[in-house]
Amino acid sequence: MPTEIGRAVVRRLLAEGAQLVDVLPPKEYGEEHLPGAISLPLRRIESHAVSVLDPARPIIVYCWDDA
């Protein structure tokens, strides 16, 4: 179940081994993304998540859109 979390929780979860997933398209991911983020574009998340992500670890999904 998706839950919105703040920066402090993100930092704690990452320190505990969570996976950070950026869902922006590849071009935008290449221009700027958080260090250590996994590129998994939103259009491919359902078909690729199983092969890319470890289901035993928490997953933090984010997308930055300044529009």
N, C-alpha and C. Protein backbone atom coordinates (compact mmCIF):
# COMPACT_ATOMS: atom_id res chain seq x y z
N MET A 1 0.85 -1.17 0.00
CA MET A 1 0.00 0.00 0.00
C MET A 1 0.90 1.24 0.00
N PRO A 2 0.77 2.13 -0.99
CA PRO A 2 1.58 3.34 -1.03
C PRO A 2 1.29 4.25 0.16
N THR A 3 2.36 4.82 0.68
CA THR A 3 2.26 5.74 1.80
C THR A 3 3.22 6.89 1.56
N GLU A 4 2.76 8.13 1.71
CA GLU A 4 3.64 9.28 1.55
C GLU A 4 4.51 9.40 2.80
N ILE A 5 5.81 9.62 2.60
CA ILE A 5 6.74 9.75 3.72
C ILE A 5 7.62 10.98 3.52
N GLY A 6 8.17 11.48 4.60
CA GLY A 6 9.03 12.65 4.56
C GLY A 6 10.50 12.29 4.41
N ARG A 7 11.33 13.30 4.29
CA ARG A 7 12.77 13.11 4.08
C ARG A 7 13.44 12.30 5.18
N ALA A 8 13.09 12.58 6.41
CA ALA A 8 13.73 11.87 7.52
C ALA A 8 13.47 10.37 7.44
N VAL A 9 12.25 10.00 7.08
CA VAL A 9 11.90 8.59 6.96
C VAL A 9 12.62 7.98 5.75
N VAL A 10 12.70 8.73 4.65
CA VAL A 10 13.44 8.25 3.47
C VAL A 10 14.88 7.96 3.85
N ARG A 11 15.51 8.88 4.52
CA ARG A 11 16.92 8.69 4.92
C ARG A 11 17.08 7.45 5.80
N ARG A 12 16.17 7.29 6.76
CA ARG A 12 16.25 6.13 7.66
C ARG A 12 16.07 4.84 6.88
N LEU A 13 15.06 4.79 6.02
CA LEU A 13 14.81 3.57 5.25
C LEU A 13 15.98 3.24 4.33
N LEU A 14 16.57 4.24 3.70
CA LEU A 14 17.73 4.00 2.84
C LEU A 14 18.90 3.46 3.65
N ALA A 15 19.10 4.02 4.84
CA ALA A 15 20.18 3.54 5.71
C ALA A 15 19.94 2.09 6.13
N GLU A 16 18.68 1.69 6.16
CA GLU A 16 18.32 0.32 6.54
C GLU A 16 18.26 -0.63 5.34
N GLY A 17 18.56 -0.12 4.14
CA GLY A 17 18.63 -0.99 2.97
C GLY A 17 17.47 -0.92 1.99
N ALA A 18 16.63 0.10 2.10
CA ALA A 18 15.52 0.24 1.16
C ALA A 18 16.03 0.52 -0.25
N GLN A 19 15.21 0.22 -1.23
CA GLN A 19 15.52 0.47 -2.64
C GLN A 19 14.83 1.77 -3.05
N LEU A 20 15.58 2.65 -3.70
CA LEU A 20 15.05 3.93 -4.15
C LEU A 20 14.80 3.85 -5.64
N VAL A 21 13.54 4.03 -6.05
CA VAL A 21 13.14 3.87 -7.45
C VAL A 21 12.65 5.20 -8.01
N ASP A 22 13.27 5.63 -9.11
CA ASP A 22 12.86 6.83 -9.83
C ASP A 22 12.03 6.39 -11.03
N VAL A 23 10.80 6.88 -11.14
CA VAL A 23 9.91 6.42 -12.21
C VAL A 23 9.85 7.37 -13.41
N LEU A 24 10.75 8.34 -13.46
CA LEU A 24 10.80 9.25 -14.61
C LEU A 24 11.26 8.52 -15.87
N PRO A 25 10.91 9.03 -17.04
CA PRO A 25 11.43 8.46 -18.29
C PRO A 25 12.95 8.50 -18.30
N PRO A 26 13.59 7.60 -19.06
CA PRO A 26 15.06 7.51 -19.07
C PRO A 26 15.78 8.84 -19.33
N LYS A 27 15.29 9.64 -20.26
CA LYS A 27 15.96 10.91 -20.57
C LYS A 27 15.99 11.82 -19.34
N GLU A 28 14.87 11.93 -18.67
CA GLU A 28 14.80 12.78 -17.48
C GLU A 28 15.62 12.18 -16.33
N TYR A 29 15.61 10.87 -16.20
CA TYR A 29 16.45 10.21 -15.18
C TYR A 29 17.91 10.54 -15.45
N GLY A 30 18.32 10.48 -16.71
CA GLY A 30 19.70 10.77 -17.08
C GLY A 30 20.12 12.21 -16.80
N GLU A 31 19.17 13.11 -16.86
CA GLU A 31 19.47 14.52 -16.61
C GLU A 31 19.66 14.80 -15.13
N GLU A 32 18.87 14.16 -14.30
CA GLU A 32 18.98 14.40 -12.86
C GLU A 32 18.19 13.35 -12.08
N HIS A 33 18.84 12.73 -11.12
CA HIS A 33 18.18 11.77 -10.23
C HIS A 33 18.93 11.72 -8.91
N LEU A 34 18.29 11.19 -7.91
CA LEU A 34 18.94 11.07 -6.60
C LEU A 34 20.02 10.00 -6.67
N PRO A 35 21.13 10.21 -5.97
CA PRO A 35 22.21 9.22 -5.98
C PRO A 35 21.71 7.85 -5.52
N GLY A 36 22.08 6.84 -6.27
CA GLY A 36 21.72 5.47 -5.91
C GLY A 36 20.34 5.03 -6.37
N ALA A 37 19.60 5.92 -7.02
CA ALA A 37 18.24 5.58 -7.45
C ALA A 37 18.28 4.59 -8.61
N ILE A 38 17.33 3.69 -8.60
CA ILE A 38 17.15 2.72 -9.68
C ILE A 38 16.19 3.33 -10.69
N SER A 39 16.55 3.32 -11.96
CA SER A 39 15.66 3.83 -13.00
C SER A 39 14.67 2.74 -13.39
N LEU A 40 13.40 3.01 -13.13
CA LEU A 40 12.34 2.08 -13.48
C LEU A 40 11.14 2.92 -13.94
N PRO A 41 11.15 3.34 -15.22
CA PRO A 41 10.11 4.24 -15.71
C PRO A 41 8.71 3.72 -15.41
N LEU A 42 7.83 4.64 -15.09
CA LEU A 42 6.48 4.30 -14.70
C LEU A 42 5.78 3.39 -15.71
N ARG A 43 6.03 3.63 -16.98
CA ARG A 43 5.39 2.81 -18.01
C ARG A 43 5.88 1.36 -18.00
N ARG A 44 7.00 1.11 -17.37
CA ARG A 44 7.56 -0.25 -17.34
C ARG A 44 7.55 -0.87 -15.95
N ILE A 45 7.07 -0.15 -14.97
CA ILE A 45 7.21 -0.61 -13.59
C ILE A 45 6.52 -1.97 -13.37
N GLU A 46 5.34 -2.16 -13.92
CA GLU A 46 4.65 -3.43 -13.70
C GLU A 46 5.36 -4.60 -14.37
N SER A 47 5.88 -4.39 -15.56
CA SER A 47 6.52 -5.49 -16.29
C SER A 47 7.95 -5.76 -15.85
N HIS A 48 8.65 -4.77 -15.27
CA HIS A 48 10.06 -4.94 -14.93
C HIS A 48 10.35 -5.02 -13.43
N ALA A 49 9.42 -4.62 -12.60
CA ALA A 49 9.68 -4.57 -11.16
C ALA A 49 10.14 -5.90 -10.60
N VAL A 50 9.53 -6.98 -11.01
CA VAL A 50 9.87 -8.30 -10.47
C VAL A 50 11.31 -8.68 -10.77
N SER A 51 11.81 -8.31 -11.94
CA SER A 51 13.18 -8.69 -12.31
C SER A 51 14.22 -7.70 -11.80
N VAL A 52 13.80 -6.51 -11.39
CA VAL A 52 14.75 -5.47 -10.97
C VAL A 52 14.81 -5.29 -9.45
N LEU A 53 13.68 -5.42 -8.79
CA LEU A 53 13.60 -5.12 -7.36
C LEU A 53 13.59 -6.37 -6.50
N ASP A 54 14.12 -6.22 -5.28
CA ASP A 54 14.14 -7.29 -4.30
C ASP A 54 12.87 -7.17 -3.45
N PRO A 55 11.93 -8.09 -3.56
CA PRO A 55 10.67 -7.98 -2.82
C PRO A 55 10.84 -8.08 -1.30
N ALA A 56 11.98 -8.52 -0.84
CA ALA A 56 12.22 -8.65 0.60
C ALA A 56 12.67 -7.33 1.24
N ARG A 57 12.98 -6.33 0.40
CA ARG A 57 13.44 -5.03 0.91
C ARG A 57 12.39 -3.96 0.64
N PRO A 58 12.27 -2.99 1.55
CA PRO A 58 11.33 -1.89 1.31
C PRO A 58 11.67 -1.16 0.01
N ILE A 59 10.65 -0.59 -0.62
CA ILE A 59 10.82 0.12 -1.89
C ILE A 59 10.27 1.53 -1.73
N ILE A 60 11.09 2.51 -2.07
CA ILE A 60 10.68 3.91 -2.05
C ILE A 60 10.59 4.34 -3.51
N VAL A 61 9.42 4.74 -3.95
CA VAL A 61 9.21 5.17 -5.33
C VAL A 61 8.99 6.67 -5.32
N TYR A 62 9.71 7.36 -6.21
CA TYR A 62 9.51 8.80 -6.28
C TYR A 62 9.56 9.29 -7.72
N CYS A 63 8.98 10.47 -7.91
CA CYS A 63 8.99 11.12 -9.21
C CYS A 63 8.99 12.62 -8.96
N TRP A 64 9.90 13.32 -9.59
CA TRP A 64 9.95 14.78 -9.44
C TRP A 64 9.43 15.38 -10.73
N ASP A 65 8.45 16.23 -10.62
CA ASP A 65 7.90 16.92 -11.77
C ASP A 65 7.71 18.38 -11.38
N ASP A 66 8.46 19.26 -12.03
CA ASP A 66 8.38 20.67 -11.66
C ASP A 66 7.34 21.42 -12.49
N ALA A 67 6.53 20.68 -13.21
CA ALA A 67 5.49 21.32 -14.04
C ALA A 67 4.33 21.81 -13.20
